[in-house]
């Protein structure tokens, strides 16, 4: 049985806030269940790694909780957040403090192909 969850957020559009809750919520739940959890932010979703972006997005219009609040909760539960180098080229390198590492495409492929890893993509 796999003991790691890799969540790759590449196509989730920060402009569509309804898409953003599930990946962070699932990451938090998996970490609370004591799985090793990594969230990779890349492509369009990589913009969420930039300081100031996630703080302005609300999952629901009537909520006070921002996407950044979801990221912090996941991080506090033990989720490791990483960003692809291509994201830095697109959106800049002023990153939120929860990003622990910058990785390349080979890392994502290697982790996704590992027998001990289950990969979700959003």
N, C-alpha and C. Protein backbone atom coordinates (compact mmCIF):
# COMPACT_ATOMS: atom_id res chain seq x y z
N UNK A 1 0.84 -1.18 0.00
CA UNK A 1 0.00 0.00 0.00
C UNK A 1 0.90 1.25 0.00
N UNK A 2 0.51 2.22 -0.76
CA UNK A 2 1.26 3.48 -0.84
C UNK A 2 1.18 4.23 0.48
N UNK A 3 2.25 4.95 0.79
CA UNK A 3 2.25 5.75 2.01
C UNK A 3 2.47 7.24 1.73
N UNK A 4 2.48 7.60 0.44
CA UNK A 4 2.68 8.99 0.06
C UNK A 4 1.60 9.44 -0.92
N UNK A 5 1.12 10.65 -0.70
CA UNK A 5 0.17 11.28 -1.62
C UNK A 5 0.86 12.48 -2.26
N UNK A 6 0.92 12.47 -3.57
CA UNK A 6 1.47 13.58 -4.34
C UNK A 6 0.31 14.27 -5.05
N UNK A 7 0.09 15.52 -4.72
CA UNK A 7 -0.96 16.31 -5.36
C UNK A 7 -0.28 17.31 -6.28
N UNK A 8 -0.55 17.18 -7.58
CA UNK A 8 0.04 18.07 -8.56
C UNK A 8 -1.05 19.02 -9.03
N UNK A 9 -0.88 20.28 -8.68
CA UNK A 9 -1.83 21.31 -9.10
C UNK A 9 -1.21 22.04 -10.29
N UNK A 10 -1.76 21.79 -11.47
CA UNK A 10 -1.21 22.38 -12.68
C UNK A 10 -2.27 23.10 -13.50
N UNK A 11 -3.48 22.58 -13.51
CA UNK A 11 -4.55 23.15 -14.34
C UNK A 11 -5.60 23.90 -13.54
N UNK A 12 -5.51 23.87 -12.24
CA UNK A 12 -6.49 24.56 -11.41
C UNK A 12 -6.25 26.06 -11.55
N UNK A 13 -7.27 26.77 -11.96
CA UNK A 13 -7.16 28.19 -12.25
C UNK A 13 -7.48 29.01 -11.00
N UNK A 14 -6.54 29.79 -10.50
CA UNK A 14 -6.80 30.62 -9.33
C UNK A 14 -7.97 31.58 -9.51
N UNK A 15 -8.35 31.87 -10.74
CA UNK A 15 -9.49 32.74 -10.98
C UNK A 15 -10.82 32.03 -10.79
N UNK A 16 -10.81 30.71 -10.65
CA UNK A 16 -12.02 29.94 -10.39
C UNK A 16 -11.90 29.35 -8.99
N UNK A 17 -12.26 30.12 -8.00
CA UNK A 17 -12.02 29.74 -6.61
C UNK A 17 -12.71 28.44 -6.21
N UNK A 18 -13.80 28.08 -6.85
CA UNK A 18 -14.50 26.85 -6.50
C UNK A 18 -13.64 25.61 -6.74
N UNK A 19 -12.64 25.72 -7.60
CA UNK A 19 -11.75 24.59 -7.89
C UNK A 19 -10.67 24.41 -6.83
N UNK A 20 -10.47 25.37 -5.98
CA UNK A 20 -9.29 25.38 -5.13
C UNK A 20 -9.44 24.68 -3.78
N UNK A 21 -10.62 24.52 -3.30
CA UNK A 21 -10.81 23.94 -1.97
C UNK A 21 -10.42 22.48 -1.86
N UNK A 22 -10.88 21.66 -2.79
CA UNK A 22 -10.69 20.21 -2.69
C UNK A 22 -9.22 19.78 -2.57
N UNK A 23 -8.32 20.26 -3.43
CA UNK A 23 -6.95 19.76 -3.31
C UNK A 23 -6.30 20.08 -1.96
N UNK A 24 -6.53 21.27 -1.44
CA UNK A 24 -5.93 21.63 -0.15
C UNK A 24 -6.59 20.89 1.00
N UNK A 25 -7.91 20.73 0.92
CA UNK A 25 -8.63 19.99 1.96
C UNK A 25 -8.18 18.54 1.98
N UNK A 26 -8.09 17.90 0.80
CA UNK A 26 -7.67 16.50 0.73
C UNK A 26 -6.23 16.34 1.23
N UNK A 27 -5.37 17.28 0.91
CA UNK A 27 -4.00 17.23 1.40
C UNK A 27 -3.97 17.28 2.93
N UNK A 28 -4.76 18.16 3.51
CA UNK A 28 -4.81 18.30 4.96
C UNK A 28 -5.33 17.02 5.61
N UNK A 29 -6.38 16.45 5.06
CA UNK A 29 -6.94 15.21 5.61
C UNK A 29 -5.92 14.08 5.53
N UNK A 30 -5.25 13.94 4.39
CA UNK A 30 -4.26 12.87 4.23
C UNK A 30 -3.10 13.04 5.22
N UNK A 31 -2.67 14.28 5.43
CA UNK A 31 -1.59 14.53 6.41
C UNK A 31 -2.07 14.19 7.82
N UNK A 32 -3.32 14.51 8.14
CA UNK A 32 -3.88 14.18 9.45
C UNK A 32 -3.97 12.66 9.64
N UNK A 33 -4.09 11.94 8.54
CA UNK A 33 -4.12 10.47 8.58
C UNK A 33 -2.70 9.89 8.59
N UNK A 34 -1.72 10.77 8.70
CA UNK A 34 -0.31 10.43 8.82
C UNK A 34 0.33 9.90 7.54
N UNK A 35 -0.23 10.29 6.41
CA UNK A 35 0.44 10.01 5.13
C UNK A 35 1.46 11.12 4.87
N UNK A 36 2.48 10.78 4.12
CA UNK A 36 3.44 11.77 3.64
C UNK A 36 2.75 12.46 2.47
N UNK A 37 2.59 13.78 2.54
CA UNK A 37 1.83 14.52 1.53
C UNK A 37 2.66 15.66 0.97
N UNK A 38 2.72 15.73 -0.35
CA UNK A 38 3.36 16.85 -1.03
C UNK A 38 2.36 17.46 -2.00
N UNK A 39 2.35 18.79 -2.06
CA UNK A 39 1.57 19.51 -3.05
C UNK A 39 2.56 20.24 -3.94
N UNK A 40 2.50 19.95 -5.24
CA UNK A 40 3.36 20.62 -6.21
C UNK A 40 2.51 21.67 -6.93
N UNK A 41 2.94 22.91 -6.86
CA UNK A 41 2.26 24.00 -7.56
C UNK A 41 3.05 24.33 -8.82
N UNK A 42 2.38 24.21 -9.95
CA UNK A 42 3.05 24.45 -11.23
C UNK A 42 2.04 24.97 -12.24
N UNK A 43 2.52 25.41 -13.38
CA UNK A 43 1.63 25.93 -14.41
C UNK A 43 0.76 27.05 -13.89
N UNK A 44 -0.48 27.07 -14.32
CA UNK A 44 -1.42 28.12 -13.91
C UNK A 44 -1.60 28.16 -12.40
N UNK A 45 -1.62 26.99 -11.77
CA UNK A 45 -1.80 26.91 -10.33
C UNK A 45 -0.60 27.45 -9.56
N UNK A 46 0.54 27.51 -10.22
CA UNK A 46 1.75 27.99 -9.57
C UNK A 46 1.64 29.41 -9.07
N UNK A 47 0.73 30.18 -9.63
CA UNK A 47 0.54 31.55 -9.18
C UNK A 47 0.16 31.61 -7.70
N UNK A 48 -0.44 30.53 -7.19
CA UNK A 48 -0.83 30.50 -5.78
C UNK A 48 0.38 30.50 -4.85
N UNK A 49 1.55 30.15 -5.37
CA UNK A 49 2.77 30.13 -4.56
C UNK A 49 3.34 31.53 -4.37
N UNK A 50 2.87 32.48 -5.14
CA UNK A 50 3.40 33.84 -5.09
C UNK A 50 2.73 34.61 -3.95
N UNK A 51 3.55 35.24 -3.17
CA UNK A 51 3.07 36.02 -2.02
C UNK A 51 2.00 37.03 -2.48
N UNK A 52 0.89 37.06 -1.76
CA UNK A 52 -0.16 38.03 -2.02
C UNK A 52 -1.29 37.53 -2.91
N UNK A 53 -1.11 36.43 -3.62
CA UNK A 53 -2.14 35.94 -4.53
C UNK A 53 -3.23 35.16 -3.78
N UNK A 54 -2.85 34.10 -3.07
CA UNK A 54 -3.82 33.26 -2.37
C UNK A 54 -4.56 34.00 -1.27
N UNK A 55 -3.93 35.06 -0.73
CA UNK A 55 -4.56 35.84 0.34
C UNK A 55 -5.77 36.62 -0.14
N UNK A 56 -5.88 36.80 -1.45
CA UNK A 56 -6.98 37.59 -2.01
C UNK A 56 -8.12 36.73 -2.57
N UNK A 57 -7.98 35.41 -2.49
CA UNK A 57 -8.97 34.51 -3.09
C UNK A 57 -9.75 33.81 -1.98
N UNK A 58 -11.07 33.85 -2.10
CA UNK A 58 -11.95 33.19 -1.15
C UNK A 58 -12.60 32.00 -1.84
N UNK A 59 -12.65 30.85 -1.14
CA UNK A 59 -13.25 29.64 -1.72
C UNK A 59 -14.73 29.88 -2.02
N UNK A 60 -15.42 30.49 -1.06
CA UNK A 60 -16.83 30.82 -1.23
C UNK A 60 -17.00 32.32 -1.01
N UNK A 61 -17.89 32.93 -1.77
CA UNK A 61 -18.08 34.39 -1.65
C UNK A 61 -18.44 34.86 -0.25
N UNK A 62 -19.18 34.05 0.52
CA UNK A 62 -19.63 34.47 1.84
C UNK A 62 -18.70 34.02 2.96
N UNK A 63 -17.53 33.50 2.62
CA UNK A 63 -16.58 33.00 3.61
C UNK A 63 -15.51 34.04 3.92
N UNK A 64 -14.99 33.97 5.13
CA UNK A 64 -13.87 34.82 5.51
C UNK A 64 -12.54 34.08 5.33
N UNK A 65 -12.61 32.80 4.98
CA UNK A 65 -11.41 31.99 4.84
C UNK A 65 -10.86 32.08 3.42
N UNK A 66 -9.59 32.46 3.33
CA UNK A 66 -8.95 32.58 2.02
C UNK A 66 -8.27 31.28 1.62
N UNK A 67 -7.86 31.22 0.37
CA UNK A 67 -7.10 30.07 -0.10
C UNK A 67 -5.79 29.97 0.69
N UNK A 68 -5.22 31.10 1.03
CA UNK A 68 -3.99 31.07 1.81
C UNK A 68 -4.24 30.45 3.19
N UNK A 69 -5.41 30.67 3.77
CA UNK A 69 -5.75 30.02 5.04
C UNK A 69 -5.75 28.50 4.87
N UNK A 70 -6.29 28.02 3.75
CA UNK A 70 -6.29 26.58 3.46
C UNK A 70 -4.86 26.07 3.32
N UNK A 71 -4.01 26.83 2.65
CA UNK A 71 -2.61 26.43 2.48
C UNK A 71 -1.92 26.36 3.84
N UNK A 72 -2.13 27.35 4.68
CA UNK A 72 -1.51 27.35 6.02
C UNK A 72 -1.99 26.19 6.87
N UNK A 73 -3.28 25.87 6.80
CA UNK A 73 -3.81 24.74 7.57
C UNK A 73 -3.17 23.44 7.10
N UNK A 74 -3.04 23.28 5.80
CA UNK A 74 -2.41 22.08 5.26
C UNK A 74 -0.95 22.00 5.70
N UNK A 75 -0.25 23.10 5.62
CA UNK A 75 1.16 23.16 6.02
C UNK A 75 1.31 22.80 7.50
N UNK A 76 0.43 23.36 8.33
CA UNK A 76 0.47 23.07 9.77
C UNK A 76 0.16 21.60 10.06
N UNK A 77 -0.60 20.95 9.18
CA UNK A 77 -0.91 19.52 9.33
C UNK A 77 0.24 18.64 8.87
N UNK A 78 1.24 19.25 8.21
CA UNK A 78 2.40 18.48 7.77
C UNK A 78 2.58 18.36 6.27
N UNK A 79 1.72 19.01 5.50
CA UNK A 79 1.83 18.96 4.04
C UNK A 79 3.06 19.76 3.62
N UNK A 80 3.82 19.19 2.69
CA UNK A 80 5.00 19.87 2.14
C UNK A 80 4.62 20.51 0.81
N UNK A 81 4.86 21.80 0.68
CA UNK A 81 4.55 22.52 -0.54
C UNK A 81 5.82 22.78 -1.33
N UNK A 82 5.76 22.44 -2.62
CA UNK A 82 6.89 22.65 -3.52
C UNK A 82 6.40 23.35 -4.77
N UNK A 83 7.30 24.04 -5.44
CA UNK A 83 6.95 24.77 -6.65
C UNK A 83 7.93 24.40 -7.75
N UNK A 84 7.42 24.30 -8.97
CA UNK A 84 8.27 23.99 -10.12
C UNK A 84 9.04 25.22 -10.57
N UNK A 85 10.23 25.01 -11.07
CA UNK A 85 11.06 26.11 -11.53
C UNK A 85 10.38 26.91 -12.64
N UNK A 86 9.59 26.24 -13.48
CA UNK A 86 8.91 26.96 -14.56
C UNK A 86 7.92 27.98 -14.00
N UNK A 87 7.40 27.72 -12.83
CA UNK A 87 6.47 28.64 -12.18
C UNK A 87 7.17 29.95 -11.85
N UNK A 88 8.41 29.87 -11.42
CA UNK A 88 9.16 31.07 -11.08
C UNK A 88 9.34 31.96 -12.30
N UNK A 89 9.53 31.32 -13.46
CA UNK A 89 9.68 32.07 -14.71
C UNK A 89 8.38 32.76 -15.10
N UNK A 90 7.25 32.11 -14.82
CA UNK A 90 5.94 32.68 -15.17
C UNK A 90 5.47 33.75 -14.20
N UNK A 91 5.58 33.47 -12.91
CA UNK A 91 4.90 34.30 -11.91
C UNK A 91 5.84 35.04 -10.98
N UNK A 92 7.13 34.74 -11.00
CA UNK A 92 8.08 35.43 -10.12
C UNK A 92 8.51 34.57 -8.96
N UNK A 93 9.44 35.09 -8.18
CA UNK A 93 10.02 34.28 -7.11
C UNK A 93 9.78 34.83 -5.71
N UNK A 94 8.82 35.72 -5.54
CA UNK A 94 8.44 36.21 -4.21
C UNK A 94 7.40 35.24 -3.66
N UNK A 95 7.87 34.15 -3.06
CA UNK A 95 7.02 33.02 -2.70
C UNK A 95 6.53 33.09 -1.25
N UNK A 96 5.39 32.44 -1.02
CA UNK A 96 4.87 32.31 0.34
C UNK A 96 5.84 31.46 1.16
N UNK A 97 5.91 31.68 2.46
CA UNK A 97 6.88 30.96 3.29
C UNK A 97 6.63 29.46 3.40
N UNK A 98 5.45 29.00 3.04
CA UNK A 98 5.13 27.57 3.12
C UNK A 98 5.81 26.75 2.03
N UNK A 99 6.32 27.40 1.00
CA UNK A 99 7.04 26.68 -0.06
C UNK A 99 8.40 26.26 0.50
N UNK A 100 8.65 24.94 0.54
CA UNK A 100 9.89 24.47 1.14
C UNK A 100 10.98 24.16 0.12
N UNK A 101 10.58 24.06 -1.17
CA UNK A 101 11.57 23.65 -2.16
C UNK A 101 11.11 24.01 -3.56
N UNK A 102 12.08 24.30 -4.41
CA UNK A 102 11.83 24.47 -5.83
C UNK A 102 12.33 23.22 -6.52
N UNK A 103 11.47 22.64 -7.36
CA UNK A 103 11.82 21.36 -8.00
C UNK A 103 11.62 21.47 -9.51
N UNK A 104 12.13 20.50 -10.24
CA UNK A 104 11.98 20.47 -11.69
C UNK A 104 11.03 19.37 -12.13
N UNK A 105 10.80 19.31 -13.42
CA UNK A 105 9.89 18.32 -13.98
C UNK A 105 10.31 16.89 -13.71
N UNK A 106 11.62 16.63 -13.69
CA UNK A 106 12.10 15.27 -13.44
C UNK A 106 11.70 14.79 -12.04
N UNK A 107 11.68 15.70 -11.08
CA UNK A 107 11.26 15.33 -9.73
C UNK A 107 9.81 14.87 -9.73
N UNK A 108 8.94 15.62 -10.40
CA UNK A 108 7.52 15.28 -10.45
C UNK A 108 7.33 13.91 -11.08
N UNK A 109 7.99 13.66 -12.20
CA UNK A 109 7.88 12.36 -12.89
C UNK A 109 8.39 11.24 -11.99
N UNK A 110 9.54 11.44 -11.38
CA UNK A 110 10.14 10.42 -10.52
C UNK A 110 9.21 10.06 -9.35
N UNK A 111 8.67 11.07 -8.69
CA UNK A 111 7.78 10.81 -7.56
C UNK A 111 6.48 10.15 -8.01
N UNK A 112 5.91 10.61 -9.10
CA UNK A 112 4.65 10.05 -9.59
C UNK A 112 4.80 8.58 -10.00
N UNK A 113 5.98 8.21 -10.47
CA UNK A 113 6.22 6.84 -10.93
C UNK A 113 6.58 5.88 -9.79
N UNK A 114 6.83 6.40 -8.61
CA UNK A 114 7.21 5.58 -7.46
C UNK A 114 6.03 4.71 -7.02
N UNK A 115 6.29 3.44 -6.77
CA UNK A 115 5.24 2.50 -6.37
C UNK A 115 4.61 2.85 -5.02
N UNK A 116 5.32 3.60 -4.20
CA UNK A 116 4.80 3.97 -2.87
C UNK A 116 4.04 5.28 -2.88
N UNK A 117 3.78 5.83 -4.07
CA UNK A 117 3.11 7.12 -4.18
C UNK A 117 1.82 7.02 -4.98
N UNK A 118 0.79 7.65 -4.47
CA UNK A 118 -0.45 7.84 -5.21
C UNK A 118 -0.46 9.30 -5.64
N UNK A 119 -0.80 9.54 -6.90
CA UNK A 119 -0.77 10.90 -7.44
C UNK A 119 -2.17 11.35 -7.82
N UNK A 120 -2.55 12.53 -7.31
CA UNK A 120 -3.78 13.20 -7.72
C UNK A 120 -3.35 14.42 -8.51
N UNK A 121 -4.09 14.74 -9.57
CA UNK A 121 -3.80 15.95 -10.31
C UNK A 121 -5.05 16.82 -10.37
N UNK A 122 -4.82 18.10 -10.33
CA UNK A 122 -5.90 19.08 -10.38
C UNK A 122 -5.52 20.16 -11.37
